Amino acid sequence: MLPVITTSDLTLDRALRAALGDVVGNIVPTGVGLLDPGTPALMAGLTYEAWTRDAAINSWNMLNAVDPETARNTLKGEVLRDGDGYRLRGQYWDAVVWVIGAWDHALWTGDRTFLAFAREVSAAWLARMEREEFSADLGLFRGPACFQDGVAGYADRYADAGGKSCILDWLHHHPRDRHPVGMGMPMHSLSTNCLYYHALTILGEMDRWLGRTPDAHHAALAAQLRAGILTHLWLPEQGRFRYMVDPWGADDRQEGLGHGLAALFGLMPERSLGRLATTPAGLPCVTPGYPRYDGLGIGRHSGLVWPHVEGFVAEAAARTGEPELAWATVARFAQRALRDGHYTECYHPQTGLPDGGVQEITVGAPEDWHSWCIGPQVGTAQGHPVHAWQSQPRTTWGATALWRLAIRVLAGLDPRPDGLHINPCLPPDAGPMHLRGIHWRGAVLDIRIDAGTRHRLMVDGRPTAAIGPDATGALSIHLVAG
């Protein structure tokens, strides 16, 4: 049975249906990673295939709670095995988000077999990344920002990538500037280091749940990383983080996703998400934009509003005492879905309309994969052609971000090893909420939440503090106001 969420807000209800349509429509047979050919898994979008960060984020956002079998497939599809053991697919720097998506899957399902597999994959990948990408002098991991794989997300020195759009192409055109170890990208970015920090703490949680003694090295490395983030990336006078540091200095721009992850993972020294610079259409991925795009458009990875970024920041705001930001984001998501009928990849920061931004690229032959998402040339930057890009339709993580906010913020579902805790965070003027088809361990939940700001949890008519870890069957859950 497909999950259903209904509220007293018809616009939100329809937006949730549209989002679910995007998700279901993007589940297709595949055979990537460890999957047998023909196994259904969730793609990154209508025009995108499987992708490690998307697989992890979409599972974490929603899929683990509503379709655990497809979520497990989607996560296993991003794992490869060779003579050296397990490794992750996708772009290396932010593939570590898989650890978080896999842990969340274990929490929702209670699947110890998968948990043991996830622990093995996670430990192997983190050990490899520590060897290849950790800068011990700074206490930070090297690599671009999470999901920021285009040169438009970076300063001019990185955008000079031979007319190519992928940030990794910078390496081929600046061999003397490469770091001598690992892939060679010399930058240390906020969002990616937040992911590594949380992944390292998760390894200890995995061990405890599996009845093992946590590896002290993982805890020590996490502590070193936390200190590195706060020492080199926190800007105390501004109450926010900088974007990145590298051998040439620092980029003090504001990274949206980095702040959402830092707040979610307990890395922000103070509550300040409400002070972040924003736009009429929402929080931009990076701001301010880079001057090389002035007069040409909005940088694809430096100024556009990406919905999955907004989803993380909104949840973090709700969890750190600024729920109004989350409620405003939910309303904005709902209005977009009704206007467009789906969730597009990214939006213009002023108009809020679908917009893929601009970015350097020298368009190749018609068979070039970029040909279906690149628009006309709008100018040049540093001698390289700059083209308009198309915002791709029915991109999955925008749709799952709305469901994340409905499940984890409005309904307040909080999976933990000891049970499913529920603490709704409804706007003061909201009516009741009803969720059906939520999977928790061996149970399928029917959850009714009364209007109000304080609730008592009832399971099949009996009061309880949480839904237990051994729950089975069809359960009727009622959050009673008062």
Protein backbone atom coordinates (compact mmCIF):
# COMPACT_ATOMS: atom_id res chain seq x y z
CA MET A 1 0.00 0.00 0.00
CA LEU A 2 1.28 3.45 -0.86
CA PRO A 3 1.69 5.82 2.08
CA VAL A 4 -0.80 8.63 2.54
CA ILE A 5 -0.53 11.84 4.55
CA THR A 6 -3.50 14.13 5.01
CA THR A 7 -3.75 17.38 6.93
CA SER A 8 -6.22 20.22 7.27
CA ASP A 9 -4.35 22.06 4.48
CA LEU A 10 -5.59 20.98 1.04
CA THR A 11 -2.64 22.66 -0.69
CA LEU A 12 -0.17 20.67 1.40
CA ASP A 13 -2.11 17.45 0.86
CA ARG A 14 -1.96 17.89 -2.90
CA ALA A 15 1.72 18.80 -2.75
CA LEU A 16 2.44 15.59 -0.83
CA ARG A 17 0.57 13.61 -3.49
CA ALA A 18 2.56 15.30 -6.25
CA ALA A 19 5.80 14.56 -4.40
CA LEU A 20 4.82 10.92 -3.94
CA GLY A 21 4.12 10.72 -7.66
CA ASP A 22 7.62 11.95 -8.41
CA VAL A 23 9.10 9.32 -6.08
CA VAL A 24 7.04 6.37 -7.31
CA GLY A 25 7.64 7.37 -10.93
CA ASN A 26 11.39 7.31 -10.34
CA ILE A 27 11.51 3.72 -9.04
CA VAL A 28 12.79 1.64 -11.96
CA PRO A 29 14.49 -1.74 -12.51
CA THR A 30 18.27 -1.55 -12.42
CA GLY A 31 21.32 -3.68 -11.84
CA VAL A 32 23.90 -1.28 -10.46
CA GLY A 33 26.26 -2.02 -7.59
CA LEU A 34 25.46 -5.21 -5.71
CA LEU A 35 21.98 -5.53 -7.23
CA ASP A 36 20.87 -8.27 -9.59
CA PRO A 37 19.61 -6.99 -12.96
CA GLY A 38 15.96 -5.97 -12.84
CA THR A 39 15.92 -5.00 -9.15
CA PRO A 40 13.73 -1.95 -8.44
CA ALA A 41 15.57 1.03 -6.98
CA LEU A 42 14.99 4.75 -6.69
CA MET A 43 16.67 6.92 -9.31
CA ALA A 44 17.83 10.48 -8.74
CA GLY A 45 15.18 11.86 -11.07
CA LEU A 46 13.25 11.50 -14.29
CA THR A 47 16.38 12.35 -16.30
CA TYR A 48 18.98 11.16 -13.79
CA GLU A 49 20.08 7.62 -13.04
CA ALA A 50 21.20 6.13 -9.73
CA TRP A 51 23.61 8.35 -7.80
CA THR A 52 25.18 7.67 -4.41
CA ARG A 53 24.39 10.92 -2.61
CA ASP A 54 20.85 10.99 -4.01
CA ALA A 55 20.28 7.37 -3.02
CA ALA A 56 21.40 8.06 0.54
CA ILE A 57 19.58 11.37 0.92
CA ASN A 58 16.32 10.07 -0.54
CA SER A 59 16.41 6.98 1.66
CA TRP A 60 17.14 9.14 4.70
CA ASN A 61 14.51 11.73 3.75
CA MET A 62 11.61 9.35 3.25
CA LEU A 63 12.07 5.98 1.60
CA ASN A 64 13.31 4.10 4.67
CA ALA A 65 10.02 4.93 6.42
CA VAL A 66 7.57 4.18 3.60
CA ASP A 67 9.17 1.57 1.30
CA PRO A 68 12.00 -0.14 3.18
CA GLU A 69 12.53 -2.86 0.57
CA THR A 70 13.13 -0.37 -2.23
CA ALA A 71 15.27 1.70 0.14
CA ARG A 72 17.46 -1.30 0.89
CA ASN A 73 17.84 -1.99 -2.83
CA THR A 74 18.65 1.65 -3.50
CA LEU A 75 21.37 1.70 -0.86
CA LYS A 76 22.89 -1.64 -1.88
CA GLY A 77 22.99 -0.44 -5.47
CA GLU A 78 25.57 2.15 -4.46
CA VAL A 79 28.03 -0.42 -3.12
CA LEU A 80 30.70 -2.24 -5.12
CA ARG A 81 32.96 -5.08 -4.07
CA ASP A 82 36.40 -5.78 -5.45
CA GLY A 83 39.60 -7.43 -4.30
CA ASP A 84 40.10 -4.75 -1.65
CA GLY A 85 36.62 -5.19 -0.16
CA TYR A 86 33.64 -2.87 -0.23
CA ARG A 87 33.68 0.62 -1.70
CA LEU A 88 31.06 3.17 -2.64
CA ARG A 89 30.06 4.32 -6.09
CA GLY A 90 29.65 7.94 -7.10
CA GLN A 91 31.78 11.00 -6.55
CA TYR A 92 34.19 10.19 -3.76
CA TRP A 93 34.05 13.27 -1.56
CA ASP A 94 30.41 13.11 -0.42
CA ALA A 95 29.74 9.40 -0.93
CA VAL A 96 30.11 9.20 2.87
CA VAL A 97 26.48 10.34 3.17
CA TRP A 98 25.68 6.69 2.37
CA VAL A 99 26.71 5.83 5.93
CA ILE A 100 23.95 8.10 7.25
CA GLY A 101 21.29 6.78 4.89
CA ALA A 102 22.23 3.19 5.76
CA TRP A 103 22.11 3.87 9.52
CA ASP A 104 18.69 5.46 9.14
CA HIS A 105 17.53 2.38 7.24
CA ALA A 106 18.67 0.14 10.09
CA LEU A 107 16.84 2.35 12.60
CA TRP A 108 13.53 2.15 10.74
CA THR A 109 13.74 -1.57 9.91
CA GLY A 110 15.70 -3.08 12.81
CA ASP A 111 17.45 -5.26 10.20
CA ARG A 112 20.59 -6.49 12.01
CA THR A 113 21.87 -8.31 8.92
CA PHE A 114 21.77 -5.10 6.92
CA LEU A 115 23.27 -3.23 9.87
CA ALA A 116 26.27 -5.56 9.99
CA PHE A 117 26.73 -5.14 6.22
CA ALA A 118 26.40 -1.35 6.51
CA ARG A 119 28.95 -1.26 9.33
CA GLU A 120 31.47 -3.17 7.22
CA VAL A 121 30.94 -0.94 4.19
CA SER A 122 31.03 2.23 6.30
CA ALA A 123 34.20 1.35 8.20
CA ALA A 124 36.01 0.36 5.01
CA TRP A 125 35.06 3.56 3.23
CA LEU A 126 35.91 5.84 6.14
CA ALA A 127 39.29 4.13 6.60
CA ARG A 128 40.05 4.66 2.92
CA MET A 129 39.01 8.31 3.04
CA GLU A 130 41.07 8.90 6.17
CA ARG A 131 44.14 7.51 4.43
CA GLU A 132 43.58 9.43 1.23
CA GLU A 133 41.74 12.66 2.11
CA PHE A 134 42.31 13.66 5.74
CA SER A 135 44.48 16.70 6.45
CA ALA A 136 45.77 16.00 9.96
CA ASP A 137 47.27 19.49 10.30
CA LEU A 138 43.80 21.06 9.99
CA GLY A 139 41.72 18.20 11.32
CA LEU A 140 39.55 18.34 8.17
CA PHE A 141 38.78 16.12 5.19
CA ARG A 142 39.63 17.41 1.74
CA GLY A 143 37.03 17.56 -1.00
CA PRO A 144 34.38 19.73 -2.63
CA ALA A 145 31.06 20.51 -0.97
CA CYS A 146 28.25 17.96 -0.83
CA PHE A 147 26.39 17.75 -4.17
CA GLN A 148 28.38 20.75 -5.50
CA ASP A 149 29.96 18.91 -8.43
CA GLY A 150 29.79 21.86 -10.85
CA VAL A 151 32.44 24.56 -11.16
CA ALA A 152 29.75 27.23 -10.72
CA GLY A 153 29.87 26.50 -7.00
CA TYR A 154 33.46 27.63 -6.58
CA ALA A 155 35.79 30.61 -6.80
CA ASP A 156 37.42 31.62 -10.07
CA ARG A 157 40.57 29.56 -9.53
CA TYR A 158 38.47 26.37 -9.46
CA ALA A 159 36.18 27.39 -12.32
CA ASP A 160 39.16 27.44 -14.65
CA ALA A 161 38.77 23.77 -15.55
CA GLY A 162 39.50 23.82 -19.25
CA GLY A 163 35.94 24.72 -20.16
CA LYS A 164 34.56 21.65 -18.41
CA SER A 165 31.69 21.80 -15.92
CA CYS A 166 32.77 19.15 -13.39
CA ILE A 167 34.88 20.37 -10.50
CA LEU A 168 37.10 17.28 -10.79
CA ASP A 169 38.26 18.49 -14.23
CA TRP A 170 40.12 21.26 -12.40
CA LEU A 171 42.64 18.60 -11.36
CA HIS A 172 43.63 17.86 -14.94
CA HIS A 173 44.27 21.51 -15.74
CA HIS A 174 46.14 22.44 -12.55
CA PRO A 175 48.43 19.45 -11.86
CA ARG A 176 50.91 21.54 -9.84
CA ASP A 177 48.14 22.62 -7.45
CA ARG A 178 46.93 19.12 -6.69
CA HIS A 179 47.32 17.73 -3.21
CA PRO A 180 49.87 14.91 -3.44
CA VAL A 181 47.66 12.36 -1.64
CA GLY A 182 44.30 10.95 -2.72
CA MET A 183 42.29 12.50 -5.52
CA GLY A 184 44.12 15.78 -5.09
CA MET A 185 41.38 18.36 -4.48
CA PRO A 186 42.96 20.74 -1.95
CA MET A 187 39.79 22.36 -0.56
CA HIS A 188 38.12 21.59 2.78
CA SER A 189 34.38 22.38 2.66
CA LEU A 190 31.79 22.73 5.39
CA SER A 191 29.03 20.33 4.30
CA THR A 192 31.36 17.47 3.43
CA ASN A 193 33.17 17.70 6.77
CA CYS A 194 29.84 17.73 8.61
CA LEU A 195 28.94 14.48 6.84
CA TYR A 196 32.24 12.87 7.81
CA TYR A 197 31.78 13.93 11.42
CA HIS A 198 28.31 12.40 11.66
CA ALA A 199 29.38 9.24 9.83
CA LEU A 200 32.19 8.71 12.35
CA THR A 201 29.81 9.09 15.29
CA ILE A 202 27.40 6.66 13.61
CA LEU A 203 30.09 3.95 13.49
CA GLY A 204 30.12 3.92 17.28
CA GLU A 205 26.32 3.66 17.35
CA MET A 206 26.43 0.76 14.89
CA ASP A 207 28.95 -1.06 17.09
CA ARG A 208 26.89 -0.58 20.24
CA TRP A 209 23.74 -1.86 18.56
CA LEU A 210 25.63 -4.88 17.24
CA GLY A 211 26.95 -5.63 20.73
CA ARG A 212 30.51 -4.65 19.93
CA THR A 213 32.91 -2.33 21.69
CA PRO A 214 33.11 0.90 19.66
CA ASP A 215 36.48 1.58 18.07
CA ALA A 216 38.14 4.36 20.08
CA HIS A 217 39.89 5.59 16.94
CA HIS A 218 36.59 6.58 15.33
CA ALA A 219 35.59 8.61 18.37
CA ALA A 220 39.00 10.30 18.51
CA LEU A 221 38.88 11.14 14.81
CA ALA A 222 35.37 12.56 15.20
CA ALA A 223 36.56 14.75 18.06
CA GLN A 224 39.51 15.94 16.00
CA LEU A 225 37.20 16.70 13.09
CA ARG A 226 34.76 18.61 15.29
CA ALA A 227 37.63 20.73 16.57
CA GLY A 228 38.82 21.33 13.01
CA ILE A 229 35.38 22.46 11.87
CA LEU A 230 34.97 24.87 14.76
CA THR A 231 38.54 26.18 14.51
CA HIS A 232 38.84 26.70 10.77
CA LEU A 233 35.27 27.14 9.52
CA TRP A 234 33.27 28.85 12.30
CA LEU A 235 33.01 32.66 12.07
CA PRO A 236 32.11 33.73 15.64
CA GLU A 237 31.71 37.40 14.80
CA GLN A 238 29.07 36.52 12.18
CA GLY A 239 27.46 33.62 14.04
CA ARG A 240 27.84 31.29 11.07
CA PHE A 241 30.32 29.11 9.22
CA ARG A 242 32.48 29.94 6.22
CA TYR A 243 32.18 27.83 3.09
CA MET A 244 35.70 26.39 2.86
CA VAL A 245 39.43 26.77 3.37
CA ASP A 246 42.23 25.79 1.01
CA PRO A 247 45.96 26.49 0.53
CA TRP A 248 45.17 29.96 -0.88
CA GLY A 249 43.01 31.13 1.99
CA ALA A 250 39.31 30.99 2.79
CA ASP A 251 35.97 31.45 1.06
CA ASP A 252 33.73 33.09 3.64
CA ARG A 253 30.53 32.68 1.64
CA GLN A 254 27.50 31.11 3.28
CA GLU A 255 26.79 27.49 2.31
CA GLY A 256 23.16 26.52 2.88
CA LEU A 257 23.51 22.75 3.13
CA GLY A 258 26.54 23.01 5.38
CA HIS A 259 24.56 25.03 7.91
CA GLY A 260 21.63 22.63 7.86
CA LEU A 261 23.89 19.63 8.46
CA ALA A 262 25.95 21.42 11.11
CA ALA A 263 22.80 22.28 13.06
CA LEU A 264 21.32 18.78 12.70
CA PHE A 265 24.54 17.16 13.89
CA GLY A 266 25.06 19.46 16.88
CA LEU A 267 28.05 21.34 15.47
CA MET A 268 26.71 24.91 15.61
CA PRO A 269 27.91 26.75 18.72
CA GLU A 270 24.78 28.91 18.78
CA ARG A 271 21.27 29.02 17.38
CA SER A 272 21.53 31.22 14.32
CA LEU A 273 19.85 29.64 11.29
CA GLY A 274 17.29 32.44 11.33
CA ARG A 275 20.08 34.95 10.71
CA LEU A 276 21.29 33.32 7.50
CA ALA A 277 21.11 35.43 4.35
CA THR A 278 18.14 34.32 2.28
CA THR A 279 16.16 35.31 -0.84
CA PRO A 280 12.47 35.72 -1.71
CA ALA A 281 12.42 32.14 -3.04
CA GLY A 282 14.29 30.52 -0.16
CA LEU A 283 17.79 29.77 1.05
CA PRO A 284 20.39 29.74 -1.77
CA CYS A 285 22.95 26.94 -1.90
CA VAL A 286 25.84 29.42 -1.73
CA THR A 287 25.69 33.17 -1.28
CA PRO A 288 26.75 35.73 -2.33
CA GLY A 289 27.24 34.61 -5.90
CA TYR A 290 30.53 34.85 -7.78
CA PRO A 291 31.05 38.10 -9.74
CA ARG A 292 32.10 36.30 -12.91
CA TYR A 293 28.42 35.54 -13.54
CA ASP A 294 27.24 39.15 -13.16
CA GLY A 295 25.02 40.00 -16.09
CA LEU A 296 24.89 36.37 -17.27
CA GLY A 297 22.52 34.77 -14.77
CA ILE A 298 22.60 32.95 -11.44
CA GLY A 299 25.45 30.53 -10.85
CA ARG A 300 24.10 26.98 -10.96
CA HIS A 301 25.76 25.95 -7.70
CA SER A 302 26.20 29.44 -6.27
CA GLY A 303 22.92 31.26 -5.93
CA LEU A 304 20.09 28.96 -6.98
CA VAL A 305 17.63 27.54 -4.44
CA TRP A 306 17.90 23.74 -4.31
CA PRO A 307 14.95 22.15 -2.45
CA HIS A 308 16.85 19.36 -0.72
CA VAL A 309 19.08 22.02 0.86
CA GLU A 310 15.99 23.82 2.15
CA GLY A 311 14.64 20.57 3.57
CA PHE A 312 17.68 19.94 5.76
CA VAL A 313 17.89 23.54 6.95
CA ALA A 314 14.17 23.59 7.75
CA GLU A 315 14.36 20.42 9.83
CA ALA A 316 17.43 21.72 11.62
CA ALA A 317 15.61 24.96 12.40
CA ALA A 318 12.67 23.08 13.89
CA ARG A 319 14.99 20.95 16.04
CA THR A 320 16.98 23.94 17.30
CA GLY A 321 14.12 26.17 18.36
CA GLU A 322 13.21 28.03 15.16
CA PRO A 323 10.17 26.09 13.88
CA GLU A 324 8.75 29.08 12.02
CA LEU A 325 11.48 28.61 9.41
CA ALA A 326 10.38 25.01 8.89
CA TRP A 327 6.69 25.90 8.59
CA ALA A 328 7.49 28.62 6.03
CA THR A 329 9.53 26.12 4.01
CA VAL A 330 6.69 23.59 4.01
CA ALA A 331 4.31 26.27 2.71
CA ARG A 332 6.76 27.27 -0.02
CA PHE A 333 7.23 23.63 -1.07
CA ALA A 334 3.47 23.16 -1.29
CA GLN A 335 2.94 26.24 -3.42
CA ARG A 336 5.65 25.18 -5.86
CA ALA A 337 4.17 21.71 -6.30
CA LEU A 338 0.72 23.08 -7.10
CA ARG A 339 2.15 25.60 -9.53
CA ASP A 340 4.45 23.17 -11.40
CA GLY A 341 2.82 19.78 -10.77
CA HIS A 342 6.16 18.25 -9.74
CA TYR A 343 9.45 19.04 -8.02
CA THR A 344 12.04 20.53 -10.27
CA GLU A 345 15.77 20.43 -9.63
CA CYS A 346 16.40 24.06 -8.62
CA TYR A 347 14.77 27.48 -8.58
CA HIS A 348 15.61 31.11 -9.31
CA PRO A 349 16.26 32.91 -6.01
CA GLN A 350 14.12 35.94 -6.86
CA THR A 351 11.25 34.63 -8.99
CA GLY A 352 11.04 31.15 -7.48
CA LEU A 353 10.54 29.71 -10.98
CA PRO A 354 12.39 26.63 -12.24
CA ASP A 355 15.87 27.70 -13.33
CA GLY A 356 19.01 25.68 -13.91
CA GLY A 357 21.36 28.64 -13.62
CA VAL A 358 24.51 29.27 -15.61
CA GLN A 359 27.85 27.49 -15.64
CA GLU A 360 31.00 27.12 -17.69
CA ILE A 361 31.01 24.33 -20.24
CA THR A 362 32.34 23.77 -23.74
CA VAL A 363 29.56 21.73 -25.32
CA GLY A 364 30.86 18.71 -27.19
CA ALA A 365 29.32 16.32 -29.72
CA PRO A 366 25.55 15.72 -29.75
CA GLU A 367 26.05 12.46 -27.88
CA ASP A 368 27.63 14.38 -24.99
CA TRP A 369 25.47 13.60 -21.96
CA HIS A 370 25.20 17.31 -21.25
CA SER A 371 23.38 17.95 -24.51
CA TRP A 372 19.92 17.35 -23.02
CA CYS A 373 20.39 19.77 -20.12
CA ILE A 374 22.39 22.61 -21.65
CA GLY A 375 20.76 25.71 -23.11
CA PRO A 376 22.23 28.54 -25.18
CA GLN A 377 25.53 30.24 -24.49
CA VAL A 378 24.99 33.44 -22.51
CA GLY A 379 28.56 34.76 -22.43
CA THR A 380 32.05 33.89 -21.27
CA ALA A 381 33.96 33.84 -17.99
CA GLN A 382 37.74 33.65 -17.82
CA GLY A 383 37.71 32.85 -21.51
CA HIS A 384 35.39 29.84 -21.15
CA PRO A 385 31.86 29.64 -22.62
CA VAL A 386 29.07 30.03 -20.08
CA HIS A 387 25.76 28.33 -20.89
CA ALA A 388 22.31 28.37 -19.37
CA TRP A 389 21.40 25.02 -17.86
CA GLN A 390 17.96 23.45 -17.66
CA SER A 391 16.40 22.69 -14.27
CA GLN A 392 15.58 19.00 -14.55
CA PRO A 393 11.97 17.82 -14.00
CA ARG A 394 10.78 15.46 -11.27
CA THR A 395 14.06 15.43 -9.39
CA THR A 396 13.63 13.04 -6.50
CA TRP A 397 15.29 14.79 -3.58
CA GLY A 398 13.02 17.81 -3.87
CA ALA A 399 10.00 15.54 -3.51
CA THR A 400 11.48 13.52 -0.66
CA ALA A 401 12.48 16.72 1.13
CA LEU A 402 8.80 17.67 1.54
CA TRP A 403 8.00 14.22 2.89
CA ARG A 404 10.96 14.52 5.24
CA LEU A 405 9.46 17.70 6.66
CA ALA A 406 6.01 16.13 6.94
CA ILE A 407 7.28 12.95 8.63
CA ARG A 408 10.13 14.27 10.78
CA VAL A 409 9.02 17.82 11.59
CA LEU A 410 5.23 18.15 11.41
CA ALA A 411 4.55 14.60 12.63
CA GLY A 412 7.79 14.51 14.63
CA LEU A 413 8.75 10.88 13.97
CA ASP A 414 12.18 10.21 15.45
CA PRO A 415 13.61 6.68 14.94
CA ARG A 416 16.12 5.49 17.55
CA PRO A 417 17.54 2.08 18.45
CA ASP A 418 15.23 1.86 21.48
CA GLY A 419 12.02 2.80 19.67
CA LEU A 420 10.13 5.29 17.51
CA HIS A 421 9.67 8.51 19.44
CA ILE A 422 7.01 10.98 18.28
CA ASN A 423 7.02 14.69 19.08
CA PRO A 424 4.85 16.64 16.59
CA CYS A 425 5.79 20.19 15.64
CA LEU A 426 2.62 21.60 14.10
CA PRO A 427 1.98 25.28 13.39
CA PRO A 428 -0.36 26.90 15.94
CA ASP A 429 -3.17 27.20 13.38
CA ALA A 430 -2.80 23.65 12.00
CA GLY A 431 -5.59 21.12 12.20
CA PRO A 432 -5.22 17.36 12.72
CA MET A 433 -2.81 15.21 10.73
CA HIS A 434 -3.14 11.60 9.58
CA LEU A 435 -0.33 9.35 8.31
CA ARG A 436 -0.94 5.87 6.92
CA GLY A 437 1.51 3.31 5.58
CA ILE A 438 4.50 4.27 7.72
CA HIS A 439 6.75 1.24 8.30
CA TRP A 440 8.39 0.80 11.69
CA ARG A 441 10.35 -2.42 12.24
CA GLY A 442 7.79 -5.21 11.80
CA ALA A 443 4.78 -2.91 12.03
CA VAL A 444 2.78 -0.71 9.67
CA LEU A 445 1.50 2.38 11.42
CA ASP A 446 -1.71 4.36 11.15
CA ILE A 447 -0.95 7.62 12.97
CA ARG A 448 -3.50 10.27 13.94
CA ILE A 449 -2.27 13.52 15.42
CA ASP A 450 -4.68 15.95 17.05
CA ALA A 451 -4.33 19.68 16.54
CA GLY A 452 -2.32 21.27 19.31
CA THR A 453 1.20 21.83 20.60
CA ARG A 454 1.36 19.15 23.33
CA HIS A 455 0.45 15.50 22.87
CA ARG A 456 0.21 12.16 24.67
CA LEU A 457 1.16 9.06 22.69
CA MET A 458 -1.39 6.23 22.62
CA VAL A 459 -0.73 2.87 20.89
CA ASP A 460 -3.87 0.80 20.30
CA GLY A 461 -5.55 2.84 23.04
CA ARG A 462 -2.76 2.43 25.63
CA PRO A 463 -0.46 5.27 26.75
CA THR A 464 3.25 4.81 26.08
CA ALA A 465 6.44 6.82 25.79
CA ALA A 466 7.46 5.45 22.36
CA ILE A 467 6.61 2.72 19.88
CA GLY A 468 8.77 -0.22 20.91
CA PRO A 469 11.58 -1.72 18.83
CA ASP A 470 9.81 -5.08 18.55
CA ALA A 471 6.51 -3.70 17.21
CA THR A 472 4.71 -5.91 14.69
CA GLY A 473 1.50 -5.93 12.70
CA ALA A 474 -0.92 -3.10 12.04
CA LEU A 475 -0.79 -0.53 14.83
CA SER A 476 -3.15 2.36 15.49
CA ILE A 477 -1.28 5.35 16.89
CA HIS A 478 -3.00 8.39 18.35
CA LEU A 479 -1.27 11.57 19.48
CA VAL A 480 -3.89 13.01 21.82
CA ALA A 481 -3.78 16.76 22.41
CA GLY A 482 -3.23 17.95 25.95
